[in-house]
Each structure stands twice: as structure tokens, then as C-alpha cells.
């Protein structure tokens, strides 16, 4: 059973995200947790970096099918018109 689920949205935050994940694993002890990274079509190498990280650690990576604008989210159309 998981005690804590950590969901991290990401867009072009390769270095910041990598440091965040390392910090979570370094600081989180004595509880069972899961990490889910949701990428919003990053172009800075974030997806490749996270996939590599996920192979070493227990981390799930989800890639959105396309960049979602704030307007599309507000209108309930996550994949455009």
C-alpha cells in the first residue's frame, strides 16, 4: 500500500525536475511513496532524462499527447478543438 503519491507536472524543466526527484528520494524515508511525472511535450530533453531516471528508481512517466493551452483547459477541451 502506498502512503503518499507525488504527482509532478513538467514542461521544459529538465535540470529542475531531475534535482527535485533526487531530493525526494534522498529526503523521503520510512514511508511508501510513488512518483508520477506528467510531461506536457517538453523539448529540452526532459522526457528522455525522466525515462532514464525511471529505469533506476520507482518513478512513472506519463507524456501528454499534445501541449494543452490554458484556454483549452478552461474550456474543457484538453486536446484542442
N, C-alpha and C. Protein backbone atom coordinates (compact mmCIF):
# COMPACT_ATOMS: atom_id res chain seq x y z
N UNK A 1 0.84 -1.19 0.00
CA UNK A 1 0.00 0.00 0.00
C UNK A 1 0.88 1.24 0.00
N UNK A 2 0.51 2.22 -0.78
CA UNK A 2 1.25 3.48 -0.89
C UNK A 2 0.74 4.48 0.13
N UNK A 3 1.65 5.10 0.86
CA UNK A 3 1.30 6.12 1.84
C UNK A 3 1.16 7.50 1.20
N UNK A 4 1.92 7.72 0.12
CA UNK A 4 1.99 9.05 -0.48
C UNK A 4 2.17 8.95 -1.98
N UNK A 5 1.37 9.70 -2.73
CA UNK A 5 1.54 9.82 -4.19
C UNK A 5 1.98 11.24 -4.50
N UNK A 6 3.08 11.35 -5.22
CA UNK A 6 3.61 12.66 -5.60
C UNK A 6 3.46 12.78 -7.11
N UNK A 7 2.68 13.75 -7.55
CA UNK A 7 2.45 13.96 -8.97
C UNK A 7 3.09 15.28 -9.36
N UNK A 8 3.99 15.23 -10.34
CA UNK A 8 4.75 16.41 -10.74
C UNK A 8 4.47 16.73 -12.20
N UNK A 9 3.81 17.86 -12.47
CA UNK A 9 3.65 18.30 -13.86
C UNK A 9 4.96 18.93 -14.33
N UNK A 10 5.28 18.75 -15.60
CA UNK A 10 6.56 19.24 -16.10
C UNK A 10 6.44 19.78 -17.52
N UNK A 11 7.12 20.89 -17.76
CA UNK A 11 7.27 21.42 -19.12
C UNK A 11 8.61 22.14 -19.20
N UNK A 12 9.55 21.54 -19.91
CA UNK A 12 10.88 22.11 -20.12
C UNK A 12 11.59 22.46 -18.81
N UNK A 13 11.62 21.51 -17.89
CA UNK A 13 12.27 21.74 -16.59
C UNK A 13 13.27 20.63 -16.29
N UNK A 14 14.02 20.21 -17.28
CA UNK A 14 14.90 19.04 -17.16
C UNK A 14 15.77 19.07 -15.91
N UNK A 15 16.58 20.09 -15.73
CA UNK A 15 17.51 20.13 -14.60
C UNK A 15 16.76 20.26 -13.27
N UNK A 16 15.78 21.14 -13.22
CA UNK A 16 15.00 21.35 -12.01
C UNK A 16 14.27 20.07 -11.61
N UNK A 17 13.67 19.41 -12.58
CA UNK A 17 12.92 18.18 -12.32
C UNK A 17 13.85 17.07 -11.83
N UNK A 18 14.99 16.91 -12.46
CA UNK A 18 15.95 15.90 -12.04
C UNK A 18 16.38 16.13 -10.59
N UNK A 19 16.70 17.38 -10.26
CA UNK A 19 17.09 17.72 -8.89
C UNK A 19 15.95 17.48 -7.90
N UNK A 20 14.73 17.78 -8.32
CA UNK A 20 13.55 17.55 -7.49
C UNK A 20 13.40 16.07 -7.17
N UNK A 21 13.51 15.23 -8.19
CA UNK A 21 13.37 13.79 -7.99
C UNK A 21 14.47 13.23 -7.09
N UNK A 22 15.70 13.67 -7.31
CA UNK A 22 16.80 13.22 -6.45
C UNK A 22 16.53 13.62 -5.00
N UNK A 23 16.05 14.82 -4.80
CA UNK A 23 15.77 15.32 -3.45
C UNK A 23 14.67 14.50 -2.78
N UNK A 24 13.64 14.18 -3.53
CA UNK A 24 12.54 13.37 -2.97
C UNK A 24 13.08 12.03 -2.48
N UNK A 25 13.88 11.36 -3.30
CA UNK A 25 14.42 10.06 -2.90
C UNK A 25 15.41 10.18 -1.74
N UNK A 26 16.13 11.26 -1.67
CA UNK A 26 17.10 11.47 -0.59
C UNK A 26 16.40 11.76 0.74
N UNK A 27 15.30 12.51 0.68
CA UNK A 27 14.66 13.01 1.90
C UNK A 27 13.48 12.18 2.39
N UNK A 28 12.92 11.35 1.55
CA UNK A 28 11.71 10.62 1.92
C UNK A 28 12.07 9.23 2.42
N UNK A 29 11.93 9.05 3.71
CA UNK A 29 12.29 7.78 4.34
C UNK A 29 11.11 7.27 5.17
N UNK A 30 11.08 6.00 5.38
CA UNK A 30 10.13 5.35 6.29
C UNK A 30 8.66 5.41 5.85
N UNK A 31 8.41 5.80 4.61
CA UNK A 31 7.04 5.72 4.08
C UNK A 31 7.12 5.15 2.67
N UNK A 32 6.03 4.53 2.26
CA UNK A 32 5.95 4.03 0.89
C UNK A 32 5.34 5.11 0.03
N UNK A 33 6.02 5.45 -1.06
CA UNK A 33 5.53 6.52 -1.91
C UNK A 33 5.71 6.16 -3.39
N UNK A 34 4.98 6.87 -4.20
CA UNK A 34 5.13 6.74 -5.64
C UNK A 34 5.28 8.14 -6.23
N UNK A 35 6.00 8.21 -7.34
CA UNK A 35 6.16 9.48 -8.04
C UNK A 35 5.65 9.29 -9.46
N UNK A 36 4.82 10.22 -9.88
CA UNK A 36 4.30 10.23 -11.24
C UNK A 36 4.66 11.57 -11.85
N UNK A 37 5.42 11.54 -12.93
CA UNK A 37 5.79 12.77 -13.64
C UNK A 37 4.94 12.84 -14.90
N UNK A 38 4.24 13.97 -15.07
CA UNK A 38 3.40 14.18 -16.25
C UNK A 38 4.04 15.28 -17.08
N UNK A 39 4.53 14.91 -18.25
CA UNK A 39 5.22 15.87 -19.11
C UNK A 39 4.26 16.43 -20.16
N UNK A 40 4.37 17.72 -20.39
CA UNK A 40 3.50 18.42 -21.34
C UNK A 40 4.28 18.80 -22.59
N UNK A 41 4.81 17.79 -23.29
CA UNK A 41 5.51 17.96 -24.57
C UNK A 41 6.77 18.82 -24.45
N UNK A 42 7.60 18.55 -23.46
CA UNK A 42 8.86 19.28 -23.31
C UNK A 42 9.77 19.04 -24.50
N UNK A 43 10.58 20.05 -24.81
CA UNK A 43 11.52 19.96 -25.93
C UNK A 43 12.97 20.12 -25.47
N UNK A 44 13.20 20.12 -24.15
CA UNK A 44 14.53 20.35 -23.61
C UNK A 44 15.23 19.06 -23.18
N UNK A 45 14.69 17.92 -23.54
CA UNK A 45 15.28 16.64 -23.16
C UNK A 45 14.72 16.08 -21.86
N UNK A 46 13.73 16.76 -21.29
CA UNK A 46 13.13 16.28 -20.03
C UNK A 46 12.58 14.86 -20.16
N UNK A 47 11.82 14.54 -21.21
CA UNK A 47 11.25 13.19 -21.29
C UNK A 47 12.32 12.10 -21.28
N UNK A 48 13.40 12.29 -22.03
CA UNK A 48 14.46 11.30 -22.08
C UNK A 48 15.15 11.17 -20.72
N UNK A 49 15.38 12.29 -20.07
CA UNK A 49 16.01 12.30 -18.75
C UNK A 49 15.16 11.56 -17.73
N UNK A 50 13.86 11.80 -17.75
CA UNK A 50 12.96 11.16 -16.79
C UNK A 50 12.82 9.68 -17.08
N UNK A 51 12.77 9.30 -18.34
CA UNK A 51 12.71 7.87 -18.67
C UNK A 51 13.95 7.15 -18.14
N UNK A 52 15.11 7.78 -18.27
CA UNK A 52 16.34 7.22 -17.75
C UNK A 52 16.29 7.10 -16.23
N UNK A 53 15.80 8.14 -15.57
CA UNK A 53 15.66 8.15 -14.11
C UNK A 53 14.70 7.06 -13.67
N UNK A 54 13.61 6.90 -14.41
CA UNK A 54 12.57 5.92 -14.05
C UNK A 54 13.08 4.49 -14.14
N UNK A 55 14.09 4.24 -14.97
CA UNK A 55 14.66 2.90 -15.06
C UNK A 55 15.42 2.53 -13.79
N UNK A 56 16.01 3.51 -13.14
CA UNK A 56 16.80 3.27 -11.93
C UNK A 56 15.96 3.27 -10.66
N UNK A 57 14.92 4.09 -10.66
CA UNK A 57 14.11 4.29 -9.47
C UNK A 57 12.65 3.97 -9.78
N UNK A 58 11.86 3.89 -8.75
CA UNK A 58 10.43 3.64 -8.92
C UNK A 58 9.73 4.96 -9.22
N UNK A 59 9.60 5.24 -10.49
CA UNK A 59 9.01 6.51 -10.92
C UNK A 59 8.24 6.25 -12.21
N UNK A 60 7.01 6.73 -12.28
CA UNK A 60 6.23 6.57 -13.50
C UNK A 60 6.28 7.85 -14.32
N UNK A 61 6.34 7.70 -15.61
CA UNK A 61 6.41 8.83 -16.52
C UNK A 61 5.21 8.78 -17.45
N UNK A 62 4.49 9.89 -17.53
CA UNK A 62 3.33 10.00 -18.42
C UNK A 62 3.57 11.19 -19.33
N UNK A 63 3.42 10.99 -20.62
CA UNK A 63 3.59 12.08 -21.57
C UNK A 63 2.23 12.43 -22.15
N UNK A 64 1.87 13.71 -22.10
CA UNK A 64 0.59 14.12 -22.65
C UNK A 64 0.65 14.04 -24.18
N UNK A 65 -0.48 13.79 -24.83
CA UNK A 65 -0.49 13.62 -26.28
C UNK A 65 -0.20 14.90 -27.05
N UNK A 66 -0.35 16.04 -26.43
CA UNK A 66 -0.09 17.32 -27.09
C UNK A 66 -0.10 18.43 -26.08
N UNK A 67 0.56 19.54 -26.41
CA UNK A 67 0.61 20.66 -25.49
C UNK A 67 -0.81 21.19 -25.28
N UNK A 68 -1.16 21.41 -24.03
CA UNK A 68 -2.50 21.85 -23.67
C UNK A 68 -2.44 23.30 -23.21
N UNK A 69 -3.14 24.18 -23.90
CA UNK A 69 -3.13 25.59 -23.53
C UNK A 69 -4.07 25.84 -22.35
N UNK A 70 -3.86 26.97 -21.67
CA UNK A 70 -4.72 27.33 -20.54
C UNK A 70 -6.16 27.51 -21.03
N UNK A 71 -6.33 28.08 -22.21
CA UNK A 71 -7.67 28.30 -22.76
C UNK A 71 -8.37 26.97 -23.00
N UNK A 72 -7.64 25.99 -23.55
CA UNK A 72 -8.23 24.67 -23.80
C UNK A 72 -8.63 23.99 -22.49
N UNK A 73 -7.79 24.11 -21.47
CA UNK A 73 -8.13 23.54 -20.17
C UNK A 73 -9.39 24.17 -19.62
N UNK A 74 -9.48 25.50 -19.72
CA UNK A 74 -10.62 26.23 -19.17
C UNK A 74 -11.92 25.87 -19.90
N UNK A 75 -11.81 25.57 -21.19
CA UNK A 75 -12.98 25.22 -21.98
C UNK A 75 -13.29 23.73 -21.97
N UNK A 76 -12.49 22.97 -21.21
CA UNK A 76 -12.74 21.53 -21.12
C UNK A 76 -12.37 20.77 -22.37
N UNK A 77 -11.47 21.33 -23.17
CA UNK A 77 -11.04 20.68 -24.41
C UNK A 77 -9.53 20.43 -24.34
N UNK A 78 -9.12 19.37 -23.62
CA UNK A 78 -7.70 19.15 -23.42
C UNK A 78 -6.90 18.83 -24.68
N UNK A 79 -7.54 18.42 -25.76
CA UNK A 79 -6.81 18.10 -26.98
C UNK A 79 -7.12 19.05 -28.13
N UNK A 80 -7.56 20.24 -27.81
CA UNK A 80 -7.84 21.23 -28.84
C UNK A 80 -9.26 21.14 -29.35
N UNK A 81 -9.57 21.90 -30.41
CA UNK A 81 -10.94 21.93 -30.93
C UNK A 81 -11.42 20.61 -31.49
